[in-house]
Amino acid sequence: MSAPDVSDASLEADVFARNCGSRDVLQNLTGRWGLLALLALSEGDYRFNALRRRVDGVSERMLSQTLQTLERDGFVTRTVLQSIPPRVEYSLTDLGRAVSVSVRSLVEQVEGAVPQVMAARDRYDTDPDR
């Protein structure tokens, strides 16, 4: 399979366009596990099991799939360390670090708004007109 011609105008990024490639990338990044793995790796490099402990609740299989997807998209690097037994370490690429800054900002804003969100949910859930 040959690589797409990046000069092709049909490949222009427009997230609202049905065939825009950024939709898949955003889905990979902003899914629960992709987002949490990216944020954890923004703290530093992790070995697989340490990352799994950091991203509480993720299964081994789901974390493995998530890391493969993030690596394929160019956000994560997988490095096999020569040791006995062999160890694998994951880290962010330059692109991953750049994106993680924006994601971290969004997460901090959402974390700070949790009391407001909870109050809004309570109002919504107790609204007799719902």
N, C-alpha and C. Protein backbone atom coordinates (compact mmCIF):
# COMPACT_ATOMS: atom_id res chain seq x y z
N MET A 1 0.84 -1.16 0.00
CA MET A 1 0.00 0.00 0.00
C MET A 1 0.89 1.23 0.00
N SER A 2 0.66 2.13 -0.93
CA SER A 2 1.49 3.32 -1.03
C SER A 2 0.98 4.42 -0.12
N ALA A 3 1.87 5.30 0.24
CA ALA A 3 1.52 6.42 1.13
C ALA A 3 0.68 7.42 0.35
N PRO A 4 -0.28 8.07 1.03
CA PRO A 4 -1.11 9.05 0.34
C PRO A 4 -0.29 10.25 -0.08
N ASP A 5 -0.70 10.88 -1.16
CA ASP A 5 -0.06 12.09 -1.66
C ASP A 5 -0.49 13.25 -0.76
N VAL A 6 0.43 13.75 0.06
CA VAL A 6 0.08 14.79 1.02
C VAL A 6 -0.24 16.12 0.36
N SER A 7 0.04 16.26 -0.93
CA SER A 7 -0.31 17.49 -1.62
C SER A 7 -1.74 17.46 -2.14
N ASP A 8 -2.41 16.32 -2.00
CA ASP A 8 -3.78 16.15 -2.46
C ASP A 8 -4.71 17.04 -1.63
N ALA A 9 -5.46 17.94 -2.29
CA ALA A 9 -6.35 18.88 -1.59
C ALA A 9 -7.44 18.16 -0.82
N SER A 10 -7.81 16.94 -1.22
CA SER A 10 -8.86 16.21 -0.51
C SER A 10 -8.40 15.77 0.88
N LEU A 11 -7.11 15.85 1.15
CA LEU A 11 -6.58 15.47 2.45
C LEU A 11 -6.47 16.65 3.41
N GLU A 12 -6.99 17.80 3.01
CA GLU A 12 -6.93 18.98 3.87
C GLU A 12 -7.66 18.69 5.17
N ALA A 13 -7.07 19.07 6.27
CA ALA A 13 -7.65 18.80 7.58
C ALA A 13 -8.83 19.73 7.85
N ASP A 14 -9.98 19.13 8.05
CA ASP A 14 -11.19 19.84 8.44
C ASP A 14 -12.01 18.84 9.26
N VAL A 15 -11.94 18.97 10.56
CA VAL A 15 -12.54 17.99 11.46
C VAL A 15 -14.04 17.81 11.21
N PHE A 16 -14.69 18.79 10.61
CA PHE A 16 -16.12 18.67 10.34
C PHE A 16 -16.41 17.90 9.04
N ALA A 17 -15.38 17.67 8.24
CA ALA A 17 -15.54 16.91 7.00
C ALA A 17 -15.56 15.42 7.31
N ARG A 18 -16.47 14.71 6.70
CA ARG A 18 -16.67 13.29 6.98
C ARG A 18 -15.39 12.46 6.83
N ASN A 19 -14.61 12.73 5.82
CA ASN A 19 -13.43 11.91 5.53
C ASN A 19 -12.12 12.49 6.06
N CYS A 20 -12.21 13.47 6.92
CA CYS A 20 -11.00 14.10 7.45
C CYS A 20 -10.24 13.12 8.35
N GLY A 21 -8.96 12.96 8.07
CA GLY A 21 -8.12 12.06 8.86
C GLY A 21 -7.96 12.48 10.30
N SER A 22 -8.19 13.75 10.59
CA SER A 22 -8.03 14.21 11.98
C SER A 22 -9.08 13.60 12.89
N ARG A 23 -10.22 13.18 12.34
CA ARG A 23 -11.25 12.56 13.18
C ARG A 23 -10.74 11.30 13.85
N ASP A 24 -10.06 10.43 13.07
CA ASP A 24 -9.51 9.20 13.65
C ASP A 24 -8.45 9.51 14.69
N VAL A 25 -7.60 10.48 14.37
CA VAL A 25 -6.53 10.84 15.30
C VAL A 25 -7.13 11.38 16.60
N LEU A 26 -8.12 12.25 16.49
CA LEU A 26 -8.77 12.79 17.68
C LEU A 26 -9.46 11.71 18.48
N GLN A 27 -10.08 10.77 17.80
CA GLN A 27 -10.73 9.67 18.51
C GLN A 27 -9.70 8.85 19.28
N ASN A 28 -8.56 8.58 18.67
CA ASN A 28 -7.51 7.82 19.34
C ASN A 28 -6.98 8.57 20.55
N LEU A 29 -6.79 9.87 20.39
CA LEU A 29 -6.22 10.68 21.47
C LEU A 29 -7.20 10.94 22.61
N THR A 30 -8.45 11.20 22.26
CA THR A 30 -9.38 11.66 23.28
C THR A 30 -10.26 10.56 23.86
N GLY A 31 -10.07 9.35 23.40
CA GLY A 31 -10.74 8.24 24.08
C GLY A 31 -10.18 8.16 25.49
N ARG A 32 -10.91 7.54 26.37
CA ARG A 32 -10.51 7.51 27.79
C ARG A 32 -9.06 7.07 27.98
N TRP A 33 -8.69 5.96 27.40
CA TRP A 33 -7.36 5.41 27.67
C TRP A 33 -6.27 6.16 26.92
N GLY A 34 -6.54 6.63 25.72
CA GLY A 34 -5.54 7.40 24.99
C GLY A 34 -5.19 8.68 25.71
N LEU A 35 -6.20 9.37 26.19
CA LEU A 35 -5.99 10.61 26.92
C LEU A 35 -5.19 10.37 28.20
N LEU A 36 -5.57 9.36 28.95
CA LEU A 36 -4.88 9.08 30.22
C LEU A 36 -3.45 8.59 30.00
N ALA A 37 -3.24 7.78 28.98
CA ALA A 37 -1.88 7.31 28.68
C ALA A 37 -1.00 8.49 28.27
N LEU A 38 -1.54 9.36 27.43
CA LEU A 38 -0.78 10.54 26.98
C LEU A 38 -0.42 11.43 28.18
N LEU A 39 -1.38 11.66 29.06
CA LEU A 39 -1.12 12.49 30.24
C LEU A 39 -0.09 11.86 31.16
N ALA A 40 -0.20 10.56 31.38
CA ALA A 40 0.78 9.88 32.24
C ALA A 40 2.17 9.97 31.64
N LEU A 41 2.28 9.75 30.34
CA LEU A 41 3.59 9.81 29.69
C LEU A 41 4.15 11.22 29.64
N SER A 42 3.29 12.23 29.80
CA SER A 42 3.78 13.60 29.86
C SER A 42 4.55 13.85 31.16
N GLU A 43 4.35 12.97 32.14
CA GLU A 43 5.09 13.05 33.41
C GLU A 43 6.49 12.47 33.29
N GLY A 44 6.70 11.63 32.27
CA GLY A 44 7.99 11.00 32.08
C GLY A 44 7.82 9.63 31.43
N ASP A 45 8.93 8.97 31.18
CA ASP A 45 8.91 7.65 30.55
C ASP A 45 8.38 6.62 31.54
N TYR A 46 7.70 5.62 31.00
CA TYR A 46 7.13 4.56 31.83
C TYR A 46 7.38 3.21 31.21
N ARG A 47 7.64 2.23 32.04
CA ARG A 47 7.59 0.84 31.61
C ARG A 47 6.12 0.43 31.62
N PHE A 48 5.79 -0.61 30.89
CA PHE A 48 4.39 -0.98 30.67
C PHE A 48 3.62 -1.15 31.98
N ASN A 49 4.12 -1.97 32.88
CA ASN A 49 3.37 -2.24 34.12
C ASN A 49 3.26 -1.02 35.01
N ALA A 50 4.27 -0.19 35.02
CA ALA A 50 4.19 1.06 35.80
C ALA A 50 3.13 1.99 35.20
N LEU A 51 3.07 2.03 33.89
CA LEU A 51 2.07 2.86 33.22
C LEU A 51 0.67 2.29 33.49
N ARG A 52 0.55 1.00 33.50
CA ARG A 52 -0.75 0.38 33.79
C ARG A 52 -1.20 0.70 35.22
N ARG A 53 -0.27 0.72 36.15
CA ARG A 53 -0.62 1.11 37.52
C ARG A 53 -1.01 2.58 37.59
N ARG A 54 -0.32 3.42 36.82
CA ARG A 54 -0.61 4.86 36.82
C ARG A 54 -1.99 5.15 36.24
N VAL A 55 -2.34 4.43 35.18
CA VAL A 55 -3.64 4.61 34.52
C VAL A 55 -4.59 3.58 35.15
N ASP A 56 -5.00 3.88 36.34
CA ASP A 56 -5.81 2.98 37.15
C ASP A 56 -7.08 2.56 36.42
N GLY A 57 -7.31 1.25 36.35
CA GLY A 57 -8.53 0.73 35.76
C GLY A 57 -8.39 0.21 34.35
N VAL A 58 -7.30 0.51 33.67
CA VAL A 58 -7.12 0.03 32.30
C VAL A 58 -6.64 -1.42 32.32
N SER A 59 -7.19 -2.24 31.43
CA SER A 59 -6.75 -3.62 31.34
C SER A 59 -5.43 -3.68 30.57
N GLU A 60 -4.72 -4.77 30.75
CA GLU A 60 -3.45 -4.95 30.04
C GLU A 60 -3.68 -4.91 28.53
N ARG A 61 -4.71 -5.59 28.08
CA ARG A 61 -5.01 -5.65 26.64
C ARG A 61 -5.35 -4.26 26.09
N MET A 62 -6.18 -3.51 26.81
CA MET A 62 -6.59 -2.19 26.34
C MET A 62 -5.42 -1.21 26.33
N LEU A 63 -4.57 -1.27 27.34
CA LEU A 63 -3.41 -0.40 27.37
C LEU A 63 -2.46 -0.73 26.23
N SER A 64 -2.27 -2.01 25.98
CA SER A 64 -1.41 -2.43 24.87
C SER A 64 -1.94 -1.91 23.54
N GLN A 65 -3.24 -2.07 23.30
CA GLN A 65 -3.84 -1.56 22.06
C GLN A 65 -3.72 -0.05 21.97
N THR A 66 -3.96 0.63 23.08
CA THR A 66 -3.89 2.09 23.11
C THR A 66 -2.48 2.57 22.78
N LEU A 67 -1.48 1.95 23.39
CA LEU A 67 -0.10 2.35 23.14
C LEU A 67 0.30 2.08 21.69
N GLN A 68 -0.15 0.97 21.13
CA GLN A 68 0.14 0.67 19.72
C GLN A 68 -0.47 1.73 18.82
N THR A 69 -1.69 2.14 19.12
CA THR A 69 -2.36 3.16 18.32
C THR A 69 -1.65 4.50 18.44
N LEU A 70 -1.27 4.88 19.66
CA LEU A 70 -0.56 6.14 19.86
C LEU A 70 0.82 6.12 19.21
N GLU A 71 1.45 4.96 19.22
CA GLU A 71 2.74 4.82 18.54
C GLU A 71 2.56 4.93 17.03
N ARG A 72 1.55 4.28 16.50
CA ARG A 72 1.26 4.34 15.05
C ARG A 72 0.99 5.77 14.61
N ASP A 73 0.28 6.54 15.44
CA ASP A 73 -0.05 7.92 15.10
C ASP A 73 1.11 8.89 15.34
N GLY A 74 2.21 8.40 15.92
CA GLY A 74 3.39 9.24 16.08
C GLY A 74 3.47 10.02 17.38
N PHE A 75 2.65 9.65 18.38
CA PHE A 75 2.65 10.36 19.66
C PHE A 75 3.54 9.68 20.70
N VAL A 76 3.78 8.39 20.52
CA VAL A 76 4.50 7.59 21.52
C VAL A 76 5.61 6.82 20.85
N THR A 77 6.70 6.66 21.57
CA THR A 77 7.82 5.83 21.13
C THR A 77 7.96 4.65 22.08
N ARG A 78 8.17 3.48 21.51
CA ARG A 78 8.38 2.26 22.29
C ARG A 78 9.85 1.88 22.14
N THR A 79 10.54 1.75 23.26
CA THR A 79 11.96 1.43 23.24
C THR A 79 12.19 0.12 24.00
N VAL A 80 12.83 -0.84 23.35
CA VAL A 80 13.18 -2.10 24.00
C VAL A 80 14.56 -1.92 24.61
N LEU A 81 14.63 -2.06 25.92
CA LEU A 81 15.89 -1.89 26.65
C LEU A 81 16.57 -3.25 26.76
N GLN A 82 17.84 -3.28 26.43
CA GLN A 82 18.60 -4.53 26.49
C GLN A 82 18.94 -4.85 27.93
N SER A 83 18.19 -5.76 28.49
CA SER A 83 18.44 -6.23 29.85
C SER A 83 17.87 -7.63 29.95
N ILE A 84 18.12 -8.24 31.08
CA ILE A 84 17.58 -9.58 31.31
C ILE A 84 16.68 -9.50 32.53
N PRO A 85 15.39 -9.70 32.38
CA PRO A 85 14.69 -9.90 31.12
C PRO A 85 14.60 -8.59 30.35
N PRO A 86 14.32 -8.65 29.04
CA PRO A 86 14.20 -7.42 28.26
C PRO A 86 13.06 -6.56 28.81
N ARG A 87 13.27 -5.26 28.79
CA ARG A 87 12.26 -4.32 29.28
C ARG A 87 11.86 -3.41 28.13
N VAL A 88 10.61 -2.96 28.21
CA VAL A 88 10.09 -2.03 27.21
C VAL A 88 9.70 -0.76 27.93
N GLU A 89 10.08 0.36 27.35
CA GLU A 89 9.76 1.65 27.95
C GLU A 89 9.03 2.50 26.91
N TYR A 90 8.07 3.25 27.37
CA TYR A 90 7.28 4.12 26.49
C TYR A 90 7.55 5.57 26.85
N SER A 91 7.61 6.40 25.82
CA SER A 91 7.83 7.83 26.04
C SER A 91 7.09 8.60 24.94
N LEU A 92 6.89 9.89 25.17
CA LEU A 92 6.25 10.73 24.18
C LEU A 92 7.27 11.20 23.15
N THR A 93 6.82 11.32 21.92
CA THR A 93 7.62 11.94 20.87
C THR A 93 7.49 13.46 21.03
N ASP A 94 8.19 14.21 20.21
CA ASP A 94 8.03 15.67 20.24
C ASP A 94 6.58 16.05 19.98
N LEU A 95 5.95 15.38 19.02
CA LEU A 95 4.54 15.64 18.73
C LEU A 95 3.67 15.30 19.94
N GLY A 96 3.93 14.18 20.56
CA GLY A 96 3.17 13.79 21.75
C GLY A 96 3.31 14.79 22.87
N ARG A 97 4.52 15.30 23.07
CA ARG A 97 4.73 16.31 24.13
C ARG A 97 3.98 17.59 23.81
N ALA A 98 4.00 18.02 22.56
CA ALA A 98 3.30 19.25 22.17
C ALA A 98 1.79 19.10 22.38
N VAL A 99 1.24 17.98 21.98
CA VAL A 99 -0.20 17.75 22.14
C VAL A 99 -0.56 17.61 23.62
N SER A 100 0.31 16.99 24.39
CA SER A 100 0.00 16.78 25.81
C SER A 100 -0.13 18.09 26.58
N VAL A 101 0.54 19.14 26.13
CA VAL A 101 0.42 20.45 26.79
C VAL A 101 -1.02 20.95 26.68
N SER A 102 -1.59 20.86 25.49
CA SER A 102 -2.98 21.29 25.30
C SER A 102 -3.94 20.39 26.05
N VAL A 103 -3.71 19.10 26.00
CA VAL A 103 -4.58 18.15 26.69
C VAL A 103 -4.53 18.39 28.19
N ARG A 104 -3.34 18.61 28.72
CA ARG A 104 -3.19 18.86 30.17
C ARG A 104 -3.97 20.10 30.56
N SER A 105 -3.92 21.14 29.75
CA SER A 105 -4.66 22.37 30.02
C SER A 105 -6.16 22.10 30.08
N LEU A 106 -6.66 21.34 29.14
CA LEU A 106 -8.08 20.98 29.11
C LEU A 106 -8.46 20.19 30.36
N VAL A 107 -7.65 19.21 30.72
CA VAL A 107 -7.93 18.37 31.89
C VAL A 107 -7.94 19.22 33.16
N GLU A 108 -6.99 20.12 33.30
CA GLU A 108 -6.95 20.98 34.49
C GLU A 108 -8.19 21.86 34.56
N GLN A 109 -8.64 22.35 33.41
CA GLN A 109 -9.85 23.18 33.38
C GLN A 109 -11.06 22.35 33.79
N VAL A 110 -11.17 21.15 33.28
CA VAL A 110 -12.30 20.27 33.62
C VAL A 110 -12.24 19.88 35.10
N GLU A 111 -11.06 19.52 35.60
CA GLU A 111 -10.94 19.15 37.01
C GLU A 111 -11.38 20.30 37.91
N GLY A 112 -11.01 21.52 37.54
CA GLY A 112 -11.40 22.69 38.33
C GLY A 112 -12.89 22.98 38.26
N ALA A 113 -13.56 22.50 37.22
CA ALA A 113 -14.98 22.77 37.03
C ALA A 113 -15.88 21.66 37.58
N VAL A 114 -15.31 20.64 38.18
CA VAL A 114 -16.12 19.51 38.66
C VAL A 114 -17.24 19.95 39.59
N PRO A 115 -17.00 20.85 40.55
CA PRO A 115 -18.13 21.27 41.41
C PRO A 115 -19.28 21.90 40.60
N GLN A 116 -18.94 22.71 39.60
CA GLN A 116 -19.97 23.32 38.76
C GLN A 116 -20.70 22.25 37.94
N VAL A 117 -19.98 21.28 37.44
CA VAL A 117 -20.60 20.21 36.66
C VAL A 117 -21.55 19.40 37.54
N MET A 118 -21.12 19.08 38.76
CA MET A 118 -21.96 18.31 39.67
C MET A 118 -23.24 19.07 40.01
N ALA A 119 -23.11 20.37 40.23
CA ALA A 119 -24.28 21.21 40.52
C ALA A 119 -25.22 21.24 39.31
N ALA A 120 -24.67 21.35 38.11
CA ALA A 120 -25.49 21.36 36.90
C ALA A 120 -26.20 20.03 36.73
N ARG A 121 -25.53 18.94 37.02
CA ARG A 121 -26.16 17.62 36.93
C ARG A 121 -27.30 17.49 37.92
N ASP A 122 -27.06 17.96 39.13
CA ASP A 122 -28.12 17.91 40.15
C ASP A 122 -29.35 18.69 39.71
N ARG A 123 -29.13 19.91 39.17
CA ARG A 123 -30.25 20.72 38.69
C ARG A 123 -30.98 20.00 37.56
N TYR A 124 -30.24 19.44 36.65
CA TYR A 124 -30.83 18.73 35.51
C TYR A 124 -31.64 17.53 35.99
N ASP A 125 -31.04 16.74 36.88
CA ASP A 125 -31.67 15.49 37.34
C ASP A 125 -32.91 15.75 38.19
N THR A 126 -32.98 16.89 38.83
CA THR A 126 -34.14 17.18 39.70
C THR A 126 -35.14 18.10 39.03
N ASP A 127 -34.91 18.47 37.80
CA ASP A 127 -35.84 19.33 37.06
C ASP A 127 -37.12 18.53 36.76
N PRO A 128 -38.27 18.96 37.29
CA PRO A 128 -39.50 18.21 37.08
C PRO A 128 -39.98 18.24 35.62
N ASP A 129 -39.48 19.17 34.84
CA ASP A 129 -39.88 19.27 33.43
C ASP A 129 -39.07 18.32 32.54
N ARG A 130 -38.18 17.55 33.10
CA ARG A 130 -37.36 16.62 32.31
C ARG A 130 -38.03 15.29 32.22
